[in-house]
Amino acid sequence: MAVHIRLRRIGKNPAGKPHFRVSVFDERMGRDSRIIEELGYYKPTSGLAELKAERIAEWVKKGAQLSTTVKSLLKKLNKGLPAGRQKA
């Protein structure tokens, strides 16, 4: 299964208050397909973020690919990636 961990926008555009959920998706489905699991949230306007690092590590061990934005968010929060999977 081609699984990716990426951001899913849930904020309103006209209000200018975007916020996102970090979610696991099956990439064989469409862009707005059903999620497999939610792993946290990110609010760029306030800088708040909460990620379940241990669950992200489990998904990466199973072969899930992180989006570039989620990778940089993990680095910002000093959560890092699991050992052996820190390739860019």
N, C-alpha and C. Protein backbone atom coordinates (compact mmCIF):
# COMPACT_ATOMS: atom_id res chain seq x y z
N MET A 1 0.85 -1.18 0.00
CA MET A 1 0.00 0.00 0.00
C MET A 1 0.89 1.24 0.00
N ALA A 2 0.61 2.17 -0.88
CA ALA A 2 1.36 3.43 -0.97
C ALA A 2 0.77 4.42 0.02
N VAL A 3 1.44 4.56 1.15
CA VAL A 3 0.93 5.40 2.24
C VAL A 3 1.81 6.63 2.39
N HIS A 4 1.17 7.78 2.55
CA HIS A 4 1.88 9.04 2.74
C HIS A 4 1.34 9.75 3.97
N ILE A 5 2.22 10.45 4.66
CA ILE A 5 1.82 11.29 5.80
C ILE A 5 1.97 12.73 5.34
N ARG A 6 0.86 13.45 5.33
CA ARG A 6 0.87 14.81 4.83
C ARG A 6 -0.13 15.66 5.60
N LEU A 7 -0.14 16.96 5.28
CA LEU A 7 -1.07 17.89 5.92
C LEU A 7 -2.40 17.89 5.19
N ARG A 8 -3.48 18.03 5.96
CA ARG A 8 -4.83 18.16 5.39
C ARG A 8 -5.41 19.46 5.91
N ARG A 9 -5.74 20.37 5.01
CA ARG A 9 -6.22 21.68 5.41
C ARG A 9 -7.66 21.59 5.91
N ILE A 10 -7.90 22.19 7.09
CA ILE A 10 -9.26 22.22 7.62
C ILE A 10 -9.70 23.63 7.97
N GLY A 11 -8.82 24.62 7.81
CA GLY A 11 -9.15 26.01 8.14
C GLY A 11 -9.92 26.69 7.04
N LYS A 12 -10.50 27.82 7.36
CA LYS A 12 -11.26 28.58 6.38
C LYS A 12 -10.35 29.54 5.64
N ASN A 13 -10.49 29.61 4.33
CA ASN A 13 -9.65 30.48 3.52
C ASN A 13 -10.02 31.96 3.66
N PRO A 14 -11.30 32.37 3.57
CA PRO A 14 -11.61 33.80 3.67
C PRO A 14 -11.21 34.42 5.00
N ALA A 15 -11.24 33.67 6.05
CA ALA A 15 -10.90 34.21 7.37
C ALA A 15 -9.39 34.41 7.52
N GLY A 16 -8.62 33.79 6.64
CA GLY A 16 -7.17 33.91 6.72
C GLY A 16 -6.59 33.19 7.92
N LYS A 17 -7.29 32.19 8.40
CA LYS A 17 -6.84 31.42 9.56
C LYS A 17 -6.69 29.95 9.18
N PRO A 18 -5.67 29.63 8.42
CA PRO A 18 -5.51 28.23 8.04
C PRO A 18 -5.04 27.38 9.22
N HIS A 19 -5.51 26.17 9.30
CA HIS A 19 -4.93 25.19 10.20
C HIS A 19 -5.06 23.82 9.54
N PHE A 20 -4.17 22.94 9.94
CA PHE A 20 -4.02 21.67 9.26
C PHE A 20 -4.01 20.52 10.25
N ARG A 21 -4.37 19.35 9.76
CA ARG A 21 -4.20 18.12 10.52
C ARG A 21 -3.17 17.27 9.80
N VAL A 22 -2.31 16.64 10.57
CA VAL A 22 -1.32 15.73 10.01
C VAL A 22 -2.01 14.36 9.94
N SER A 23 -2.13 13.84 8.73
CA SER A 23 -2.92 12.62 8.52
C SER A 23 -2.18 11.63 7.65
N VAL A 24 -2.59 10.36 7.76
CA VAL A 24 -2.05 9.27 6.96
C VAL A 24 -3.07 8.97 5.86
N PHE A 25 -2.59 8.95 4.60
CA PHE A 25 -3.46 8.73 3.45
C PHE A 25 -2.94 7.58 2.60
N ASP A 26 -3.86 6.87 1.97
CA ASP A 26 -3.51 5.91 0.93
C ASP A 26 -3.47 6.69 -0.37
N GLU A 27 -2.29 6.82 -0.96
CA GLU A 27 -2.12 7.69 -2.12
C GLU A 27 -2.71 7.12 -3.41
N ARG A 28 -3.14 5.87 -3.39
CA ARG A 28 -3.79 5.32 -4.58
C ARG A 28 -5.19 5.88 -4.74
N MET A 29 -5.73 6.42 -3.66
CA MET A 29 -7.04 7.05 -3.70
C MET A 29 -6.86 8.51 -4.10
N GLY A 30 -7.93 9.25 -4.20
CA GLY A 30 -7.87 10.65 -4.60
C GLY A 30 -7.31 11.56 -3.52
N ARG A 31 -7.12 12.81 -3.89
CA ARG A 31 -6.56 13.80 -2.96
C ARG A 31 -7.43 13.98 -1.72
N ASP A 32 -8.73 13.96 -1.90
CA ASP A 32 -9.65 14.17 -0.79
C ASP A 32 -10.22 12.85 -0.27
N SER A 33 -9.44 11.80 -0.38
CA SER A 33 -9.91 10.48 0.05
C SER A 33 -9.98 10.39 1.57
N ARG A 34 -10.52 9.30 2.03
CA ARG A 34 -10.65 9.05 3.46
C ARG A 34 -9.28 8.84 4.08
N ILE A 35 -9.10 9.37 5.29
CA ILE A 35 -7.81 9.21 5.96
C ILE A 35 -7.76 7.85 6.66
N ILE A 36 -6.55 7.40 6.91
CA ILE A 36 -6.35 6.15 7.66
C ILE A 36 -6.24 6.46 9.15
N GLU A 37 -5.46 7.51 9.48
CA GLU A 37 -5.27 7.89 10.88
C GLU A 37 -4.84 9.34 10.97
N GLU A 38 -5.29 10.03 12.01
CA GLU A 38 -4.83 11.39 12.29
C GLU A 38 -3.69 11.34 13.29
N LEU A 39 -2.63 12.11 13.01
CA LEU A 39 -1.44 12.05 13.85
C LEU A 39 -1.11 13.37 14.53
N GLY A 40 -1.96 14.37 14.39
CA GLY A 40 -1.70 15.64 15.06
C GLY A 40 -2.30 16.80 14.31
N TYR A 41 -1.92 18.01 14.72
CA TYR A 41 -2.39 19.22 14.06
C TYR A 41 -1.29 20.26 14.02
N TYR A 42 -1.52 21.28 13.16
CA TYR A 42 -0.55 22.37 13.00
C TYR A 42 -1.32 23.64 12.67
N LYS A 43 -1.06 24.71 13.45
CA LYS A 43 -1.66 26.02 13.22
C LYS A 43 -0.54 27.00 12.91
N PRO A 44 -0.30 27.30 11.63
CA PRO A 44 0.84 28.15 11.26
C PRO A 44 0.72 29.60 11.73
N THR A 45 -0.48 30.11 11.91
CA THR A 45 -0.62 31.50 12.33
C THR A 45 -0.11 31.72 13.75
N SER A 46 -0.35 30.74 14.62
CA SER A 46 0.10 30.88 16.00
C SER A 46 1.36 30.05 16.29
N GLY A 47 1.71 29.16 15.36
CA GLY A 47 2.89 28.33 15.54
C GLY A 47 2.65 27.11 16.41
N LEU A 48 1.39 26.87 16.79
CA LEU A 48 1.08 25.70 17.61
C LEU A 48 1.10 24.43 16.76
N ALA A 49 1.67 23.39 17.33
CA ALA A 49 1.69 22.10 16.66
C ALA A 49 1.72 21.01 17.70
N GLU A 50 1.00 19.95 17.43
CA GLU A 50 1.04 18.77 18.29
C GLU A 50 1.08 17.55 17.39
N LEU A 51 2.13 16.75 17.55
CA LEU A 51 2.31 15.57 16.73
C LEU A 51 2.51 14.35 17.61
N LYS A 52 1.96 13.23 17.17
CA LYS A 52 2.19 11.95 17.85
C LYS A 52 3.42 11.31 17.22
N ALA A 53 4.58 11.67 17.75
CA ALA A 53 5.85 11.25 17.16
C ALA A 53 6.02 9.73 17.14
N GLU A 54 5.56 9.07 18.18
CA GLU A 54 5.73 7.61 18.22
C GLU A 54 4.88 6.92 17.16
N ARG A 55 3.69 7.45 16.88
CA ARG A 55 2.83 6.88 15.83
C ARG A 55 3.42 7.18 14.45
N ILE A 56 3.98 8.38 14.28
CA ILE A 56 4.62 8.72 13.01
C ILE A 56 5.80 7.78 12.77
N ALA A 57 6.57 7.51 13.82
CA ALA A 57 7.71 6.59 13.70
C ALA A 57 7.25 5.20 13.29
N GLU A 58 6.14 4.73 13.85
CA GLU A 58 5.62 3.41 13.50
C GLU A 58 5.21 3.35 12.03
N TRP A 59 4.55 4.41 11.56
CA TRP A 59 4.13 4.45 10.15
C TRP A 59 5.34 4.50 9.23
N VAL A 60 6.37 5.23 9.60
CA VAL A 60 7.57 5.32 8.76
C VAL A 60 8.27 3.96 8.72
N LYS A 61 8.29 3.25 9.84
CA LYS A 61 8.89 1.90 9.86
C LYS A 61 8.13 0.95 8.95
N LYS A 62 6.83 1.17 8.81
CA LYS A 62 6.00 0.33 7.93
C LYS A 62 6.15 0.73 6.47
N GLY A 63 6.84 1.84 6.20
CA GLY A 63 7.08 2.23 4.81
C GLY A 63 6.37 3.48 4.36
N ALA A 64 5.72 4.20 5.25
CA ALA A 64 5.02 5.43 4.87
C ALA A 64 6.02 6.52 4.51
N GLN A 65 5.68 7.34 3.54
CA GLN A 65 6.52 8.43 3.10
C GLN A 65 6.03 9.74 3.71
N LEU A 66 6.94 10.55 4.24
CA LEU A 66 6.58 11.85 4.80
C LEU A 66 6.63 12.90 3.70
N SER A 67 5.67 13.82 3.72
CA SER A 67 5.74 14.95 2.81
C SER A 67 6.86 15.87 3.28
N THR A 68 7.34 16.73 2.40
CA THR A 68 8.44 17.63 2.76
C THR A 68 8.02 18.58 3.88
N THR A 69 6.76 19.00 3.88
CA THR A 69 6.28 19.91 4.92
C THR A 69 6.25 19.22 6.28
N VAL A 70 5.80 17.98 6.31
CA VAL A 70 5.76 17.24 7.58
C VAL A 70 7.18 16.97 8.08
N LYS A 71 8.11 16.68 7.17
CA LYS A 71 9.51 16.48 7.56
C LYS A 71 10.07 17.73 8.23
N SER A 72 9.84 18.88 7.60
CA SER A 72 10.36 20.12 8.18
C SER A 72 9.67 20.47 9.49
N LEU A 73 8.40 20.15 9.61
CA LEU A 73 7.68 20.38 10.86
C LEU A 73 8.24 19.52 11.98
N LEU A 74 8.57 18.27 11.69
CA LEU A 74 9.19 17.40 12.68
C LEU A 74 10.54 17.92 13.12
N LYS A 75 11.32 18.42 12.17
CA LYS A 75 12.64 18.98 12.50
C LYS A 75 12.50 20.22 13.37
N LYS A 76 11.51 21.06 13.05
CA LYS A 76 11.27 22.28 13.83
C LYS A 76 10.93 21.96 15.28
N LEU A 77 10.14 20.93 15.46
CA LEU A 77 9.71 20.55 16.80
C LEU A 77 10.72 19.66 17.51
N ASN A 78 11.87 19.40 16.84
CA ASN A 78 12.94 18.57 17.40
C ASN A 78 12.47 17.17 17.75
N LYS A 79 11.47 16.68 17.03
CA LYS A 79 11.01 15.32 17.25
C LYS A 79 11.88 14.34 16.47
N GLY A 80 12.41 14.81 15.34
CA GLY A 80 13.28 13.97 14.53
C GLY A 80 12.55 12.84 13.85
N LEU A 81 13.29 12.04 13.13
CA LEU A 81 12.76 10.87 12.45
C LEU A 81 13.33 9.64 13.13
N PRO A 82 12.68 8.50 12.95
CA PRO A 82 13.24 7.29 13.55
C PRO A 82 14.60 6.96 12.96
N ALA A 83 15.43 6.29 13.72
CA ALA A 83 16.79 5.96 13.32
C ALA A 83 16.77 5.12 12.04
N GLY A 84 17.67 5.44 11.14
CA GLY A 84 17.78 4.69 9.89
C GLY A 84 16.89 5.22 8.78
N ARG A 85 16.02 6.17 9.06
CA ARG A 85 15.11 6.68 8.04
C ARG A 85 15.25 8.20 7.88
N GLN A 86 16.40 8.75 8.15
CA GLN A 86 16.57 10.19 8.14
C GLN A 86 17.07 10.72 6.81
N LYS A 87 16.84 10.01 5.72
CA LYS A 87 17.26 10.48 4.42
C LYS A 87 16.33 11.59 3.94
N ALA A 88 16.87 12.54 3.22
CA ALA A 88 16.05 13.63 2.69
C ALA A 88 15.52 13.24 1.39
